Amino acid sequence: MFEVQDVRLDPVSRRTWRGGDEVVLSRKEFDLVHALIARAGDIVTRDELMRDVWHTTFWTSSKTIDVHLGWVRRKLGDDTRHPSLITTIRGKGLRFETHTPVGEGVS
């Protein structure tokens, strides 16, 4: 079981909660959140996500990640314009925040 901020994720049952409410995620959405929350606080590169979530090392566009990330942010109730759970670190990757981020360079 992973618990970061007010998000809980159970990899065994493949269930996710935000606060006390269960959040229903698709298989890929769950895998994306799992890959990020398992390394909460660390930057996870898009290459790592493509390898670990989509099981490929060949890709030409990160739109797949962006689309799934948008769905995940909406389902978790994270502000898509100013996210506090999963932030994009420009030029580096994504990070599941262990606390609400402050400062520049994140979105």
N, C-alpha and C. Protein backbone atom coordinates (compact mmCIF):
# COMPACT_ATOMS: atom_id res chain seq x y z
N MET A 1 0.86 -1.18 0.00
CA MET A 1 0.00 0.00 0.00
C MET A 1 0.90 1.24 0.00
N PHE A 2 0.60 2.17 -0.87
CA PHE A 2 1.30 3.45 -0.92
C PHE A 2 0.33 4.53 -0.45
N GLU A 3 0.84 5.48 0.33
CA GLU A 3 0.03 6.60 0.76
C GLU A 3 0.90 7.86 0.73
N VAL A 4 0.54 8.78 -0.16
CA VAL A 4 1.28 10.02 -0.31
C VAL A 4 0.25 11.14 -0.41
N GLN A 5 0.49 12.21 0.34
CA GLN A 5 -0.51 13.27 0.51
C GLN A 5 -1.80 12.57 0.92
N ASP A 6 -2.90 12.82 0.24
CA ASP A 6 -4.15 12.14 0.61
C ASP A 6 -4.55 11.09 -0.42
N VAL A 7 -3.56 10.55 -1.13
CA VAL A 7 -3.81 9.51 -2.13
C VAL A 7 -3.28 8.18 -1.60
N ARG A 8 -4.14 7.17 -1.64
CA ARG A 8 -3.74 5.80 -1.28
C ARG A 8 -3.88 4.92 -2.50
N LEU A 9 -2.92 4.04 -2.68
CA LEU A 9 -2.92 3.14 -3.82
C LEU A 9 -2.55 1.75 -3.34
N ASP A 10 -3.39 0.78 -3.65
CA ASP A 10 -3.14 -0.60 -3.27
C ASP A 10 -2.82 -1.40 -4.54
N PRO A 11 -1.53 -1.73 -4.75
CA PRO A 11 -1.16 -2.44 -5.97
C PRO A 11 -1.71 -3.87 -6.04
N VAL A 12 -2.02 -4.46 -4.91
CA VAL A 12 -2.54 -5.83 -4.91
C VAL A 12 -3.97 -5.86 -5.44
N SER A 13 -4.82 -4.99 -4.89
CA SER A 13 -6.22 -4.96 -5.33
C SER A 13 -6.43 -4.03 -6.52
N ARG A 14 -5.37 -3.24 -6.86
CA ARG A 14 -5.41 -2.27 -7.95
C ARG A 14 -6.53 -1.24 -7.72
N ARG A 15 -6.60 -0.75 -6.48
CA ARG A 15 -7.59 0.27 -6.11
C ARG A 15 -6.87 1.52 -5.65
N THR A 16 -7.53 2.67 -5.87
CA THR A 16 -6.97 3.97 -5.55
C THR A 16 -8.02 4.81 -4.84
N TRP A 17 -7.57 5.60 -3.85
CA TRP A 17 -8.46 6.50 -3.13
C TRP A 17 -7.83 7.88 -3.04
N ARG A 18 -8.66 8.90 -3.07
CA ARG A 18 -8.23 10.27 -2.77
C ARG A 18 -9.08 10.70 -1.60
N GLY A 19 -8.43 10.96 -0.46
CA GLY A 19 -9.19 11.18 0.77
C GLY A 19 -9.92 9.90 1.10
N GLY A 20 -11.19 9.98 1.36
CA GLY A 20 -11.97 8.78 1.65
C GLY A 20 -12.71 8.22 0.46
N ASP A 21 -12.55 8.85 -0.71
CA ASP A 21 -13.30 8.45 -1.90
C ASP A 21 -12.46 7.58 -2.82
N GLU A 22 -13.04 6.47 -3.26
CA GLU A 22 -12.35 5.62 -4.23
C GLU A 22 -12.37 6.29 -5.60
N VAL A 23 -11.25 6.20 -6.29
CA VAL A 23 -11.10 6.76 -7.63
C VAL A 23 -10.92 5.59 -8.58
N VAL A 24 -11.79 5.48 -9.56
CA VAL A 24 -11.71 4.38 -10.52
C VAL A 24 -10.79 4.80 -11.65
N LEU A 25 -9.71 4.05 -11.83
CA LEU A 25 -8.72 4.32 -12.87
C LEU A 25 -8.69 3.15 -13.85
N SER A 26 -8.43 3.46 -15.11
CA SER A 26 -8.22 2.40 -16.09
C SER A 26 -6.91 1.69 -15.75
N ARG A 27 -6.64 0.61 -16.45
CA ARG A 27 -5.42 -0.17 -16.20
C ARG A 27 -4.17 0.69 -16.40
N LYS A 28 -4.09 1.41 -17.51
CA LYS A 28 -2.91 2.24 -17.80
C LYS A 28 -2.83 3.43 -16.84
N GLU A 29 -3.97 4.03 -16.51
CA GLU A 29 -3.97 5.13 -15.54
C GLU A 29 -3.43 4.65 -14.20
N PHE A 30 -3.90 3.49 -13.76
CA PHE A 30 -3.42 2.93 -12.50
C PHE A 30 -1.92 2.67 -12.57
N ASP A 31 -1.47 2.07 -13.67
CA ASP A 31 -0.04 1.77 -13.82
C ASP A 31 0.79 3.05 -13.82
N LEU A 32 0.28 4.11 -14.42
CA LEU A 32 0.98 5.40 -14.43
C LEU A 32 1.09 5.96 -13.01
N VAL A 33 -0.02 5.98 -12.29
CA VAL A 33 0.02 6.47 -10.91
C VAL A 33 0.94 5.60 -10.05
N HIS A 34 0.86 4.30 -10.24
CA HIS A 34 1.71 3.38 -9.46
C HIS A 34 3.19 3.66 -9.73
N ALA A 35 3.55 3.84 -11.00
CA ALA A 35 4.95 4.11 -11.35
C ALA A 35 5.44 5.41 -10.70
N LEU A 36 4.56 6.40 -10.60
CA LEU A 36 4.94 7.68 -10.01
C LEU A 36 4.92 7.66 -8.49
N ILE A 37 3.88 7.10 -7.90
CA ILE A 37 3.74 7.13 -6.43
C ILE A 37 4.78 6.21 -5.78
N ALA A 38 5.19 5.15 -6.48
CA ALA A 38 6.21 4.25 -5.93
C ALA A 38 7.55 4.97 -5.77
N ARG A 39 7.72 6.05 -6.54
CA ARG A 39 8.96 6.84 -6.47
C ARG A 39 8.63 8.28 -6.08
N ALA A 40 7.63 8.45 -5.23
CA ALA A 40 7.19 9.78 -4.82
C ALA A 40 8.37 10.63 -4.35
N GLY A 41 8.38 11.87 -4.83
CA GLY A 41 9.45 12.79 -4.50
C GLY A 41 10.59 12.77 -5.50
N ASP A 42 10.68 11.72 -6.31
CA ASP A 42 11.74 11.60 -7.33
C ASP A 42 11.17 11.95 -8.70
N ILE A 43 12.02 12.45 -9.57
CA ILE A 43 11.62 12.70 -10.94
C ILE A 43 11.69 11.38 -11.70
N VAL A 44 10.59 11.07 -12.41
CA VAL A 44 10.53 9.87 -13.24
C VAL A 44 10.50 10.37 -14.69
N THR A 45 11.46 9.93 -15.49
CA THR A 45 11.54 10.41 -16.86
C THR A 45 10.45 9.79 -17.73
N ARG A 46 10.19 10.44 -18.83
CA ARG A 46 9.21 9.91 -19.78
C ARG A 46 9.69 8.58 -20.36
N ASP A 47 11.00 8.43 -20.57
CA ASP A 47 11.54 7.16 -21.04
C ASP A 47 11.24 6.04 -20.05
N GLU A 48 11.42 6.32 -18.76
CA GLU A 48 11.13 5.32 -17.74
C GLU A 48 9.65 4.96 -17.73
N LEU A 49 8.78 5.96 -17.88
CA LEU A 49 7.34 5.69 -17.90
C LEU A 49 6.96 4.86 -19.12
N MET A 50 7.51 5.19 -20.28
CA MET A 50 7.20 4.40 -21.48
C MET A 50 7.67 2.95 -21.29
N ARG A 51 8.82 2.78 -20.69
CA ARG A 51 9.34 1.42 -20.45
C ARG A 51 8.48 0.68 -19.42
N ASP A 52 8.19 1.33 -18.29
CA ASP A 52 7.54 0.64 -17.17
C ASP A 52 6.02 0.52 -17.30
N VAL A 53 5.39 1.50 -17.94
CA VAL A 53 3.93 1.49 -18.05
C VAL A 53 3.47 0.94 -19.39
N TRP A 54 4.11 1.38 -20.46
CA TRP A 54 3.71 0.95 -21.80
C TRP A 54 4.59 -0.17 -22.34
N HIS A 55 5.60 -0.57 -21.60
CA HIS A 55 6.47 -1.71 -21.94
C HIS A 55 7.09 -1.59 -23.32
N THR A 56 7.58 -0.38 -23.61
CA THR A 56 8.27 -0.15 -24.88
C THR A 56 9.42 0.82 -24.64
N THR A 57 10.42 0.71 -25.47
CA THR A 57 11.52 1.67 -25.40
C THR A 57 11.55 2.52 -26.66
N PHE A 58 10.64 2.22 -27.59
CA PHE A 58 10.58 2.99 -28.84
C PHE A 58 9.29 3.80 -28.85
N TRP A 59 9.44 5.11 -28.96
CA TRP A 59 8.27 5.97 -29.07
C TRP A 59 8.68 7.28 -29.73
N THR A 60 7.75 7.88 -30.41
CA THR A 60 8.07 9.09 -31.15
C THR A 60 7.42 10.33 -30.56
N SER A 61 6.46 10.16 -29.66
CA SER A 61 5.74 11.30 -29.09
C SER A 61 5.38 10.99 -27.64
N SER A 62 5.40 12.03 -26.82
CA SER A 62 5.01 11.85 -25.42
C SER A 62 3.53 12.17 -25.22
N LYS A 63 2.78 12.35 -26.30
CA LYS A 63 1.35 12.67 -26.19
C LYS A 63 0.59 11.58 -25.44
N THR A 64 0.99 10.33 -25.60
CA THR A 64 0.33 9.24 -24.87
C THR A 64 0.40 9.49 -23.37
N ILE A 65 1.57 9.83 -22.89
CA ILE A 65 1.74 10.12 -21.46
C ILE A 65 0.91 11.34 -21.08
N ASP A 66 0.97 12.39 -21.88
CA ASP A 66 0.24 13.62 -21.58
C ASP A 66 -1.27 13.39 -21.49
N VAL A 67 -1.81 12.63 -22.42
CA VAL A 67 -3.25 12.36 -22.42
C VAL A 67 -3.64 11.58 -21.17
N HIS A 68 -2.92 10.51 -20.86
CA HIS A 68 -3.22 9.72 -19.67
C HIS A 68 -3.03 10.54 -18.40
N LEU A 69 -2.00 11.36 -18.38
CA LEU A 69 -1.74 12.22 -17.22
C LEU A 69 -2.90 13.19 -17.00
N GLY A 70 -3.44 13.75 -18.07
CA GLY A 70 -4.59 14.64 -17.96
C GLY A 70 -5.80 13.93 -17.36
N TRP A 71 -6.05 12.72 -17.84
CA TRP A 71 -7.17 11.94 -17.29
C TRP A 71 -6.95 11.65 -15.81
N VAL A 72 -5.74 11.25 -15.44
CA VAL A 72 -5.43 10.93 -14.05
C VAL A 72 -5.61 12.16 -13.17
N ARG A 73 -5.08 13.29 -13.61
CA ARG A 73 -5.21 14.52 -12.81
C ARG A 73 -6.68 14.87 -12.59
N ARG A 74 -7.50 14.76 -13.63
CA ARG A 74 -8.93 15.07 -13.48
C ARG A 74 -9.60 14.09 -12.52
N LYS A 75 -9.32 12.81 -12.68
CA LYS A 75 -9.95 11.80 -11.82
C LYS A 75 -9.54 11.96 -10.36
N LEU A 76 -8.29 12.36 -10.13
CA LEU A 76 -7.83 12.56 -8.75
C LEU A 76 -8.24 13.93 -8.20
N GLY A 77 -8.86 14.76 -9.04
CA GLY A 77 -9.28 16.08 -8.59
C GLY A 77 -8.13 17.05 -8.45
N ASP A 78 -7.04 16.79 -9.18
CA ASP A 78 -5.87 17.67 -9.15
C ASP A 78 -6.08 18.77 -10.19
N ASP A 79 -5.77 20.00 -9.85
CA ASP A 79 -5.93 21.13 -10.75
C ASP A 79 -4.99 20.93 -11.94
N THR A 80 -5.54 20.78 -13.14
CA THR A 80 -4.70 20.49 -14.30
C THR A 80 -3.82 21.68 -14.68
N ARG A 81 -4.20 22.89 -14.30
CA ARG A 81 -3.38 24.07 -14.61
C ARG A 81 -2.31 24.32 -13.56
N HIS A 82 -2.59 23.95 -12.31
CA HIS A 82 -1.64 24.12 -11.20
C HIS A 82 -1.70 22.88 -10.32
N PRO A 83 -1.19 21.75 -10.82
CA PRO A 83 -1.30 20.50 -10.08
C PRO A 83 -0.48 20.49 -8.79
N SER A 84 -1.01 19.81 -7.80
CA SER A 84 -0.30 19.68 -6.53
C SER A 84 0.08 18.23 -6.24
N LEU A 85 -0.43 17.29 -7.04
CA LEU A 85 -0.09 15.88 -6.84
C LEU A 85 1.02 15.44 -7.78
N ILE A 86 0.76 15.52 -9.07
CA ILE A 86 1.72 15.10 -10.08
C ILE A 86 2.16 16.34 -10.85
N THR A 87 3.41 16.68 -10.73
CA THR A 87 3.92 17.87 -11.40
C THR A 87 4.85 17.48 -12.55
N THR A 88 4.84 18.34 -13.56
CA THR A 88 5.74 18.18 -14.69
C THR A 88 6.98 19.03 -14.42
N ILE A 89 8.12 18.41 -14.45
CA ILE A 89 9.39 19.11 -14.28
C ILE A 89 9.95 19.29 -15.69
N ARG A 90 9.87 20.50 -16.17
CA ARG A 90 10.21 20.78 -17.57
C ARG A 90 11.61 20.25 -17.93
N GLY A 91 11.62 19.50 -19.04
CA GLY A 91 12.88 18.98 -19.55
C GLY A 91 13.41 17.77 -18.81
N LYS A 92 12.70 17.34 -17.76
CA LYS A 92 13.20 16.21 -16.96
C LYS A 92 12.21 15.06 -16.86
N GLY A 93 10.95 15.34 -16.50
CA GLY A 93 9.97 14.27 -16.35
C GLY A 93 8.84 14.67 -15.43
N LEU A 94 8.31 13.70 -14.70
CA LEU A 94 7.17 13.91 -13.81
C LEU A 94 7.54 13.50 -12.39
N ARG A 95 6.86 14.12 -11.42
CA ARG A 95 7.12 13.78 -10.02
C ARG A 95 5.80 13.75 -9.27
N PHE A 96 5.58 12.68 -8.50
CA PHE A 96 4.46 12.65 -7.56
C PHE A 96 4.95 13.35 -6.30
N GLU A 97 4.34 14.47 -6.00
CA GLU A 97 4.81 15.32 -4.91
C GLU A 97 4.46 14.73 -3.54
N THR A 98 5.41 14.80 -2.64
CA THR A 98 5.16 14.32 -1.28
C THR A 98 4.48 15.40 -0.44
N HIS A 99 4.48 16.64 -0.96
CA HIS A 99 3.78 17.75 -0.34
C HIS A 99 3.42 18.73 -1.45
N THR A 100 2.62 19.73 -1.18
CA THR A 100 2.22 20.71 -2.19
C THR A 100 3.46 21.48 -2.65
N PRO A 101 3.75 21.46 -3.97
CA PRO A 101 4.96 22.12 -4.49
C PRO A 101 4.86 23.64 -4.42
N VAL A 102 6.02 24.27 -4.27
CA VAL A 102 6.12 25.72 -4.28
C VAL A 102 7.28 26.09 -5.19
N GLY A 103 7.12 27.13 -5.99
CA GLY A 103 8.24 27.60 -6.80
C GLY A 103 8.03 27.43 -8.27
N GLU A 104 9.03 27.83 -9.01
CA GLU A 104 8.97 27.80 -10.47
C GLU A 104 9.50 26.48 -11.01
N GLY A 105 9.25 26.28 -12.29
CA GLY A 105 9.77 25.09 -12.97
C GLY A 105 8.88 23.88 -12.86
N VAL A 106 7.72 24.03 -12.20
CA VAL A 106 6.79 22.92 -12.10
C VAL A 106 5.47 23.34 -12.70
N SER A 107 4.75 22.37 -13.21
CA SER A 107 3.40 22.62 -13.71
C SER A 107 2.61 21.33 -13.65
